[in-house]
Amino acid sequence: MTVQEKQQLSTELESLLGELPENIIDFLKEHSSTEGQMGEEEIEIDIDALSDETLFQLRKLLDGYLLGKQKSQAKVEPCEME
């Protein structure tokens, strides 16, 4: 994964911190650099320390979440009729 892709992934994670689903939070906890030392509220991830395979799994989870969120928002938005 390129440096730019890692930065994009990191930025997206930070912007979604308050709303990430449990499966992504669990994944992040499993790969956390502060395993066993963190509180329930905070997860510290060193993106550069993760393997490409792990990063691509995280990207796939995040993309799936964002796609589902986008679809649910599309259903909720009312359409205007002329």
PDB file of N, CA and C in Angstrom:
ATOM      1  N   MET A   1       0.857  -1.173   0.000  1.00  0.00           N
ATOM      2  CA  MET A   1       0.000   0.000   0.000  1.00  0.00           C
ATOM      3  C   MET A   1       0.902   1.234   0.000  1.00  0.00           C
ATOM      4  N   THR A   2       0.548   2.200  -0.812  1.00  0.00           N
ATOM      5  CA  THR A   2       1.382   3.398  -0.934  1.00  0.00           C
ATOM      6  C   THR A   2       1.215   4.309   0.285  1.00  0.00           C
ATOM      7  N   VAL A   3       2.145   5.229   0.443  1.00  0.00           N
ATOM      8  CA  VAL A   3       2.082   6.193   1.539  1.00  0.00           C
ATOM      9  C   VAL A   3       0.805   7.020   1.442  1.00  0.00           C
ATOM     10  N   GLN A   4       0.449   7.408   0.234  1.00  0.00           N
ATOM     11  CA  GLN A   4      -0.766   8.202   0.013  1.00  0.00           C
ATOM     12  C   GLN A   4      -2.014   7.405   0.412  1.00  0.00           C
ATOM     13  N   GLU A   5      -2.065   6.129   0.068  1.00  0.00           N
ATOM     14  CA  GLU A   5      -3.206   5.286   0.430  1.00  0.00           C
ATOM     15  C   GLU A   5      -3.302   5.124   1.944  1.00  0.00           C
ATOM     16  N   LYS A   6      -2.154   4.988   2.598  1.00  0.00           N
ATOM     17  CA  LYS A   6      -2.132   4.888   4.063  1.00  0.00           C
ATOM     18  C   LYS A   6      -2.649   6.176   4.698  1.00  0.00           C
ATOM     19  N   GLN A   7      -2.232   7.309   4.166  1.00  0.00           N
ATOM     20  CA  GLN A   7      -2.690   8.592   4.698  1.00  0.00           C
ATOM     21  C   GLN A   7      -4.197   8.744   4.516  1.00  0.00           C
ATOM     22  N   GLN A   8      -4.709   8.350   3.357  1.00  0.00           N
ATOM     23  CA  GLN A   8      -6.137   8.426   3.080  1.00  0.00           C
ATOM     24  C   GLN A   8      -6.916   7.538   4.051  1.00  0.00           C
ATOM     25  N   LEU A   9      -6.425   6.336   4.270  1.00  0.00           N
ATOM     26  CA  LEU A   9      -7.071   5.400   5.186  1.00  0.00           C
ATOM     27  C   LEU A   9      -7.082   5.975   6.601  1.00  0.00           C
ATOM     28  N   SER A  10      -5.968   6.515   7.024  1.00  0.00           N
ATOM     29  CA  SER A  10      -5.857   7.112   8.353  1.00  0.00           C
ATOM     30  C   SER A  10      -6.821   8.280   8.516  1.00  0.00           C
ATOM     31  N   THR A  11      -6.898   9.131   7.510  1.00  0.00           N
ATOM     32  CA  THR A  11      -7.792  10.292   7.546  1.00  0.00           C
ATOM     33  C   THR A  11      -9.252   9.854   7.635  1.00  0.00           C
ATOM     34  N   GLU A  12      -9.619   8.855   6.866  1.00  0.00           N
ATOM     35  CA  GLU A  12     -10.997   8.365   6.893  1.00  0.00           C
ATOM     36  C   GLU A  12     -11.341   7.765   8.248  1.00  0.00           C
ATOM     37  N   LEU A  13     -10.421   7.005   8.813  1.00  0.00           N
ATOM     38  CA  LEU A  13     -10.664   6.415  10.128  1.00  0.00           C
ATOM     39  C   LEU A  13     -10.880   7.499  11.177  1.00  0.00           C
ATOM     40  N   GLU A  14     -10.028   8.510  11.151  1.00  0.00           N
ATOM     41  CA  GLU A  14     -10.143   9.606  12.115  1.00  0.00           C
ATOM     42  C   GLU A  14     -11.474  10.336  11.971  1.00  0.00           C
ATOM     43  N   SER A  15     -11.929  10.532  10.743  1.00  0.00           N
ATOM     44  CA  SER A  15     -13.178  11.266  10.520  1.00  0.00           C
ATOM     45  C   SER A  15     -14.406  10.459  10.938  1.00  0.00           C
ATOM     46  N   LEU A  16     -14.258   9.139  11.033  1.00  0.00           N
ATOM     47  CA  LEU A  16     -15.390   8.269  11.372  1.00  0.00           C
ATOM     48  C   LEU A  16     -15.312   7.716  12.794  1.00  0.00           C
ATOM     49  N   LEU A  17     -14.407   8.234  13.603  1.00  0.00           N
ATOM     50  CA  LEU A  17     -14.158   7.652  14.929  1.00  0.00           C
ATOM     51  C   LEU A  17     -15.411   7.418  15.758  1.00  0.00           C
ATOM     52  N   GLY A  18     -16.309   8.348  15.798  1.00  0.00           N
ATOM     53  CA  GLY A  18     -17.484   8.221  16.647  1.00  0.00           C
ATOM     54  C   GLY A  18     -18.551   7.285  16.126  1.00  0.00           C
ATOM     55  N   GLU A  19     -18.417   6.810  14.908  1.00  0.00           N
ATOM     56  CA  GLU A  19     -19.499   6.027  14.313  1.00  0.00           C
ATOM     57  C   GLU A  19     -19.067   4.686  13.722  1.00  0.00           C
ATOM     58  N   LEU A  20     -17.836   4.276  13.964  1.00  0.00           N
ATOM     59  CA  LEU A  20     -17.364   3.010  13.406  1.00  0.00           C
ATOM     60  C   LEU A  20     -18.138   1.830  13.987  1.00  0.00           C
ATOM     61  N   PRO A  21     -18.504   0.865  13.148  1.00  0.00           N
ATOM     62  CA  PRO A  21     -19.218  -0.311  13.646  1.00  0.00           C
ATOM     63  C   PRO A  21     -18.284  -1.205  14.468  1.00  0.00           C
ATOM     64  N   GLU A  22     -18.877  -2.067  15.256  1.00  0.00           N
ATOM     65  CA  GLU A  22     -18.135  -2.923  16.190  1.00  0.00           C
ATOM     66  C   GLU A  22     -17.103  -3.808  15.485  1.00  0.00           C
ATOM     67  N   ASN A  23     -17.426  -4.308  14.281  1.00  0.00           N
ATOM     68  CA  ASN A  23     -16.477  -5.200  13.601  1.00  0.00           C
ATOM     69  C   ASN A  23     -15.175  -4.473  13.239  1.00  0.00           C
ATOM     70  N   ILE A  24     -15.259  -3.209  12.871  1.00  0.00           N
ATOM     71  CA  ILE A  24     -14.048  -2.449  12.548  1.00  0.00           C
ATOM     72  C   ILE A  24     -13.294  -2.105  13.827  1.00  0.00           C
ATOM     73  N   ILE A  25     -14.019  -1.757  14.882  1.00  0.00           N
ATOM     74  CA  ILE A  25     -13.373  -1.463  16.167  1.00  0.00           C
ATOM     75  C   ILE A  25     -12.643  -2.702  16.681  1.00  0.00           C
ATOM     76  N   ASP A  26     -13.272  -3.858  16.589  1.00  0.00           N
ATOM     77  CA  ASP A  26     -12.630  -5.101  17.018  1.00  0.00           C
ATOM     78  C   ASP A  26     -11.383  -5.387  16.195  1.00  0.00           C
ATOM     79  N   PHE A  27     -11.467  -5.163  14.896  1.00  0.00           N
ATOM     80  CA  PHE A  27     -10.314  -5.366  14.016  1.00  0.00           C
ATOM     81  C   PHE A  27      -9.160  -4.450  14.432  1.00  0.00           C
ATOM     82  N   LEU A  28      -9.484  -3.188  14.709  1.00  0.00           N
ATOM     83  CA  LEU A  28      -8.458  -2.229  15.124  1.00  0.00           C
ATOM     84  C   LEU A  28      -7.852  -2.623  16.466  1.00  0.00           C
ATOM     85  N   LYS A  29      -8.675  -3.092  17.377  1.00  0.00           N
ATOM     86  CA  LYS A  29      -8.165  -3.527  18.684  1.00  0.00           C
ATOM     87  C   LYS A  29      -7.209  -4.703  18.534  1.00  0.00           C
ATOM     88  N   GLU A  30      -7.537  -5.622  17.641  1.00  0.00           N
ATOM     89  CA  GLU A  30      -6.680  -6.787  17.406  1.00  0.00           C
ATOM     90  C   GLU A  30      -5.301  -6.378  16.893  1.00  0.00           C
ATOM     91  N   HIS A  31      -5.246  -5.300  16.132  1.00  0.00           N
ATOM     92  CA  HIS A  31      -4.001  -4.871  15.500  1.00  0.00           C
ATOM     93  C   HIS A  31      -3.417  -3.613  16.149  1.00  0.00           C
ATOM     94  N   SER A  32      -3.902  -3.304  17.334  1.00  0.00           N
ATOM     95  CA  SER A  32      -3.465  -2.102  18.033  1.00  0.00           C
ATOM     96  C   SER A  32      -2.031  -2.235  18.523  1.00  0.00           C
ATOM     97  N   SER A  33      -1.296  -1.120  18.491  1.00  0.00           N
ATOM     98  CA  SER A  33       0.085  -1.112  18.961  1.00  0.00           C
ATOM     99  C   SER A  33       0.174  -1.010  20.479  1.00  0.00           C
ATOM    100  N   THR A  34      -0.952  -0.749  21.137  1.00  0.00           N
ATOM    101  CA  THR A  34      -0.964  -0.632  22.599  1.00  0.00           C
ATOM    102  C   THR A  34      -1.821  -1.736  23.201  1.00  0.00           C
ATOM    103  N   GLU A  35      -1.754  -2.893  22.631  1.00  0.00           N
ATOM    104  CA  GLU A  35      -2.577  -4.017  23.048  1.00  0.00           C
ATOM    105  C   GLU A  35      -2.404  -4.295  24.537  1.00  0.00           C
ATOM    106  N   GLY A  36      -3.513  -4.376  25.257  1.00  0.00           N
ATOM    107  CA  GLY A  36      -3.489  -4.680  26.674  1.00  0.00           C
ATOM    108  C   GLY A  36      -3.248  -3.473  27.565  1.00  0.00           C
ATOM    109  N   GLN A  37      -2.872  -2.329  26.995  1.00  0.00           N
ATOM    110  CA  GLN A  37      -2.564  -1.155  27.792  1.00  0.00           C
ATOM    111  C   GLN A  37      -3.556  -0.027  27.574  1.00  0.00           C
ATOM    112  N   MET A  38      -4.534  -0.238  26.735  1.00  0.00           N
ATOM    113  CA  MET A  38      -5.428   0.856  26.391  1.00  0.00           C
ATOM    114  C   MET A  38      -6.722   0.775  27.179  1.00  0.00           C
ATOM    115  N   GLY A  39      -7.368   1.919  27.302  1.00  0.00           N
ATOM    116  CA  GLY A  39      -8.693   1.967  27.897  1.00  0.00           C
ATOM    117  C   GLY A  39      -9.719   1.611  26.845  1.00  0.00           C
ATOM    118  N   GLU A  40     -10.912   1.475  27.269  1.00  0.00           N
ATOM    119  CA  GLU A  40     -11.995   1.108  26.363  1.00  0.00           C
ATOM    120  C   GLU A  40     -12.257   2.200  25.331  1.00  0.00           C
ATOM    121  N   GLU A  41     -11.932   3.440  25.669  1.00  0.00           N
ATOM    122  CA  GLU A  41     -12.251   4.585  24.825  1.00  0.00           C
ATOM    123  C   GLU A  41     -11.215   4.877  23.740  1.00  0.00           C
ATOM    124  N   GLU A  42     -10.011   4.376  23.873  1.00  0.00           N
ATOM    125  CA  GLU A  42      -8.945   4.797  22.976  1.00  0.00           C
ATOM    126  C   GLU A  42      -8.219   3.617  22.344  1.00  0.00           C
ATOM    127  N   ILE A  43      -8.013   3.727  21.048  1.00  0.00           N
ATOM    128  CA  ILE A  43      -7.268   2.721  20.297  1.00  0.00           C
ATOM    129  C   ILE A  43      -6.160   3.456  19.558  1.00  0.00           C
ATOM    130  N   GLU A  44      -4.945   3.006  19.740  1.00  0.00           N
ATOM    131  CA  GLU A  44      -3.824   3.641  19.055  1.00  0.00           C
ATOM    132  C   GLU A  44      -3.294   2.693  17.984  1.00  0.00           C
ATOM    133  N   ILE A  45      -3.302   3.167  16.750  1.00  0.00           N
ATOM    134  CA  ILE A  45      -2.864   2.356  15.618  1.00  0.00           C
ATOM    135  C   ILE A  45      -1.719   3.070  14.916  1.00  0.00           C
ATOM    136  N   ASP A  46      -0.632   2.341  14.681  1.00  0.00           N
ATOM    137  CA  ASP A  46       0.469   2.860  13.877  1.00  0.00           C
ATOM    138  C   ASP A  46       0.297   2.284  12.474  1.00  0.00           C
ATOM    139  N   ILE A  47      -0.287   3.072  11.593  1.00  0.00           N
ATOM    140  CA  ILE A  47      -0.589   2.617  10.234  1.00  0.00           C
ATOM    141  C   ILE A  47       0.662   2.080   9.540  1.00  0.00           C
ATOM    142  N   ASP A  48       1.790   2.741   9.759  1.00  0.00           N
ATOM    143  CA  ASP A  48       3.031   2.332   9.098  1.00  0.00           C
ATOM    144  C   ASP A  48       3.556   0.994   9.606  1.00  0.00           C
ATOM    145  N   ALA A  49       3.149   0.590  10.801  1.00  0.00           N
ATOM    146  CA  ALA A  49       3.627  -0.666  11.371  1.00  0.00           C
ATOM    147  C   ALA A  49       2.791  -1.866  10.917  1.00  0.00           C
ATOM    148  N   LEU A  50       1.624  -1.601  10.330  1.00  0.00           N
ATOM    149  CA  LEU A  50       0.750  -2.686   9.894  1.00  0.00           C
ATOM    150  C   LEU A  50       1.199  -3.236   8.544  1.00  0.00           C
ATOM    151  N   SER A  51       1.008  -4.525   8.359  1.00  0.00           N
ATOM    152  CA  SER A  51       1.367  -5.144   7.080  1.00  0.00           C
ATOM    153  C   SER A  51       0.385  -4.699   6.001  1.00  0.00           C
ATOM    154  N   ASP A  52       0.820  -4.821   4.761  1.00  0.00           N
ATOM    155  CA  ASP A  52      -0.069  -4.467   3.647  1.00  0.00           C
ATOM    156  C   ASP A  52      -1.337  -5.310   3.681  1.00  0.00           C
ATOM    157  N   GLU A  53      -1.197  -6.584   4.025  1.00  0.00           N
ATOM    158  CA  GLU A  53      -2.368  -7.466   4.088  1.00  0.00           C
ATOM    159  C   GLU A  53      -3.379  -6.942   5.111  1.00  0.00           C
ATOM    160  N   THR A  54      -2.908  -6.532   6.272  1.00  0.00           N
ATOM    161  CA  THR A  54      -3.780  -5.985   7.310  1.00  0.00           C
ATOM    162  C   THR A  54      -4.421  -4.685   6.849  1.00  0.00           C
ATOM    163  N   LEU A  55      -3.637  -3.830   6.203  1.00  0.00           N
ATOM    164  CA  LEU A  55      -4.158  -2.558   5.713  1.00  0.00           C
ATOM    165  C   LEU A  55      -5.239  -2.769   4.661  1.00  0.00           C
ATOM    166  N   PHE A  56      -5.024  -3.742   3.775  1.00  0.00           N
ATOM    167  CA  PHE A  56      -6.029  -4.012   2.748  1.00  0.00           C
ATOM    168  C   PHE A  56      -7.302  -4.601   3.365  1.00  0.00           C
ATOM    169  N   GLN A  57      -7.159  -5.419   4.429  1.00  0.00           N
ATOM    170  CA  GLN A  57      -8.344  -5.928   5.125  1.00  0.00           C
ATOM    171  C   GLN A  57      -9.115  -4.770   5.760  1.00  0.00           C
ATOM    172  N   LEU A  58      -8.387  -3.858   6.378  1.00  0.00           N
ATOM    173  CA  LEU A  58      -9.015  -2.695   6.999  1.00  0.00           C
ATOM    174  C   LEU A  58      -9.701  -1.827   5.951  1.00  0.00           C
ATOM    175  N   ARG A  59      -9.041  -1.631   4.802  1.00  0.00           N
ATOM    176  CA  ARG A  59      -9.623  -0.851   3.705  1.00  0.00           C
ATOM    177  C   ARG A  59     -10.932  -1.486   3.237  1.00  0.00           C
ATOM    178  N   LYS A  60     -10.943  -2.826   3.125  1.00  0.00           N
ATOM    179  CA  LYS A  60     -12.123  -3.547   2.673  1.00  0.00           C
ATOM    180  C   LYS A  60     -13.265  -3.391   3.684  1.00  0.00           C
ATOM    181  N   LEU A  61     -12.961  -3.509   4.975  1.00  0.00           N
ATOM    182  CA  LEU A  61     -13.974  -3.324   6.011  1.00  0.00           C
ATOM    183  C   LEU A  61     -14.552  -1.912   5.972  1.00  0.00           C
ATOM    184  N   LEU A  62     -13.663  -0.940   5.852  1.00  0.00           N
ATOM    185  CA  LEU A  62     -14.086   0.457   5.831  1.00  0.00           C
ATOM    186  C   LEU A  62     -14.917   0.761   4.587  1.00  0.00           C
ATOM    187  N   ASP A  63     -14.491   0.254   3.439  1.00  0.00           N
ATOM    188  CA  ASP A  63     -15.253   0.462   2.197  1.00  0.00           C
ATOM    189  C   ASP A  63     -16.643  -0.155   2.302  1.00  0.00           C
ATOM    190  N   GLY A  64     -16.723  -1.346   2.887  1.00  0.00           N
ATOM    191  CA  GLY A  64     -18.021  -2.003   3.062  1.00  0.00           C
ATOM    192  C   GLY A  64     -18.933  -1.193   3.965  1.00  0.00           C
ATOM    193  N   TYR A  65     -18.372  -0.660   5.041  1.00  0.00           N
ATOM    194  CA  TYR A  65     -19.161   0.169   5.956  1.00  0.00           C
ATOM    195  C   TYR A  65     -19.649   1.437   5.252  1.00  0.00           C
ATOM    196  N   LEU A  66     -18.749   2.108   4.537  1.00  0.00           N
ATOM    197  CA  LEU A  66     -19.110   3.350   3.856  1.00  0.00           C
ATOM    198  C   LEU A  66     -20.156   3.114   2.772  1.00  0.00           C
ATOM    199  N   LEU A  67     -20.052   1.999   2.067  1.00  0.00           N
ATOM    200  CA  LEU A  67     -21.029   1.658   1.031  1.00  0.00           C
ATOM    201  C   LEU A  67     -22.401   1.425   1.662  1.00  0.00           C
ATOM    202  N   GLY A  68     -22.440   0.679   2.751  1.00  0.00           N
ATOM    203  CA  GLY A  68     -23.700   0.439   3.446  1.00  0.00           C
ATOM    204  C   GLY A  68     -24.304   1.728   3.984  1.00  0.00           C
ATOM    205  N   LYS A  69     -23.456   2.592   4.501  1.00  0.00           N
ATOM    206  CA  LYS A  69     -23.923   3.880   5.024  1.00  0.00           C
ATOM    207  C   LYS A  69     -24.498   4.732   3.897  1.00  0.00           C
ATOM    208  N   GLN A  70     -23.811   4.733   2.756  1.00  0.00           N
ATOM    209  CA  GLN A  70     -24.263   5.508   1.601  1.00  0.00           C
ATOM    210  C   GLN A  70     -25.619   4.990   1.109  1.00  0.00           C
ATOM    211  N   LYS A  71     -25.778   3.673   1.068  1.00  0.00           N
ATOM    212  CA  LYS A  71     -27.040   3.087   0.604  1.00  0.00           C
ATOM    213  C   LYS A  71     -28.177   3.423   1.560  1.00  0.00           C
ATOM    214  N   SER A  72     -27.912   3.378   2.865  1.00  0.00           N
ATOM    215  CA  SER A  72     -28.979   3.671   3.826  1.00  0.00           C
ATOM    216  C   SER A  72     -29.365   5.146   3.782  1.00  0.00           C
ATOM    217  N   GLN A  73     -28.415   6.018   3.536  1.00  0.00           N
ATOM    218  CA  GLN A  73     -28.721   7.444   3.410  1.00  0.00           C
ATOM    219  C   GLN A  73     -29.534   7.708   2.146  1.00  0.00           C
ATOM    220  N   ALA A  74     -29.243   6.984   1.082  1.00  0.00           N
ATOM    221  CA  ALA A  74     -29.978   7.158  -0.172  1.00  0.00           C
ATOM    222  C   ALA A  74     -31.439   6.750   0.015  1.00  0.00           C
ATOM    223  N   LYS A  75     -31.704   5.738   0.835  1.00  0.00           N
ATOM    224  CA  LYS A  75     -33.074   5.310   1.075  1.00  0.00           C
ATOM    225  C   LYS A  75     -33.837   6.299   1.930  1.00  0.00           C
ATOM    226  N   VAL A  76     -33.151   6.963   2.841  1.00  0.00           N
ATOM    227  CA  VAL A  76     -33.781   7.877   3.788  1.00  0.00           C
ATOM    228  C   VAL A  76     -34.082   9.236   3.171  1.00  0.00           C
ATOM    229  N   GLU A  77     -33.241   9.690   2.270  1.00  0.00           N
ATOM    230  CA  GLU A  77     -33.417  11.015   1.680  1.00  0.00           C
ATOM    231  C   GLU A  77     -34.702  11.083   0.868  1.00  0.00           C
ATOM    232  N   PRO A  78     -35.548  12.061   1.164  1.00  0.00           N
ATOM    233  CA  PRO A  78     -36.790  12.177   0.394  1.00  0.00           C
ATOM    234  C   PRO A  78     -36.501  12.716  -1.007  1.00  0.00           C
ATOM    235  N   CYS A  79     -37.279  12.284  -1.946  1.00  0.00           N
ATOM    236  CA  CYS A  79     -37.106  12.802  -3.294  1.00  0.00           C
ATOM    237  C   CYS A  79     -38.159  13.872  -3.545  1.00  0.00           C
ATOM    238  N   GLU A  80     -37.756  14.878  -4.264  1.00  0.00           N
ATOM    239  CA  GLU A  80     -38.657  15.987  -4.553  1.00  0.00           C
ATOM    240  C   GLU A  80     -39.415  15.700  -5.853  1.00  0.00           C
ATOM    241  N   MET A  81     -40.684  15.993  -5.812  1.00  0.00           N
ATOM    242  CA  MET A  81     -41.493  15.796  -7.006  1.00  0.00           C
ATOM    243  C   MET A  81     -41.920  17.158  -7.535  1.00  0.00           C
ATOM    244  N   GLU A  82     -41.911  17.286  -8.822  1.00  0.00           N
ATOM    245  CA  GLU A  82     -42.300  18.566  -9.424  1.00  0.00           C
ATOM    246  C   GLU A  82     -43.756  18.581  -9.792  1.00  0.00           C
TER     247      GLU A  82
END
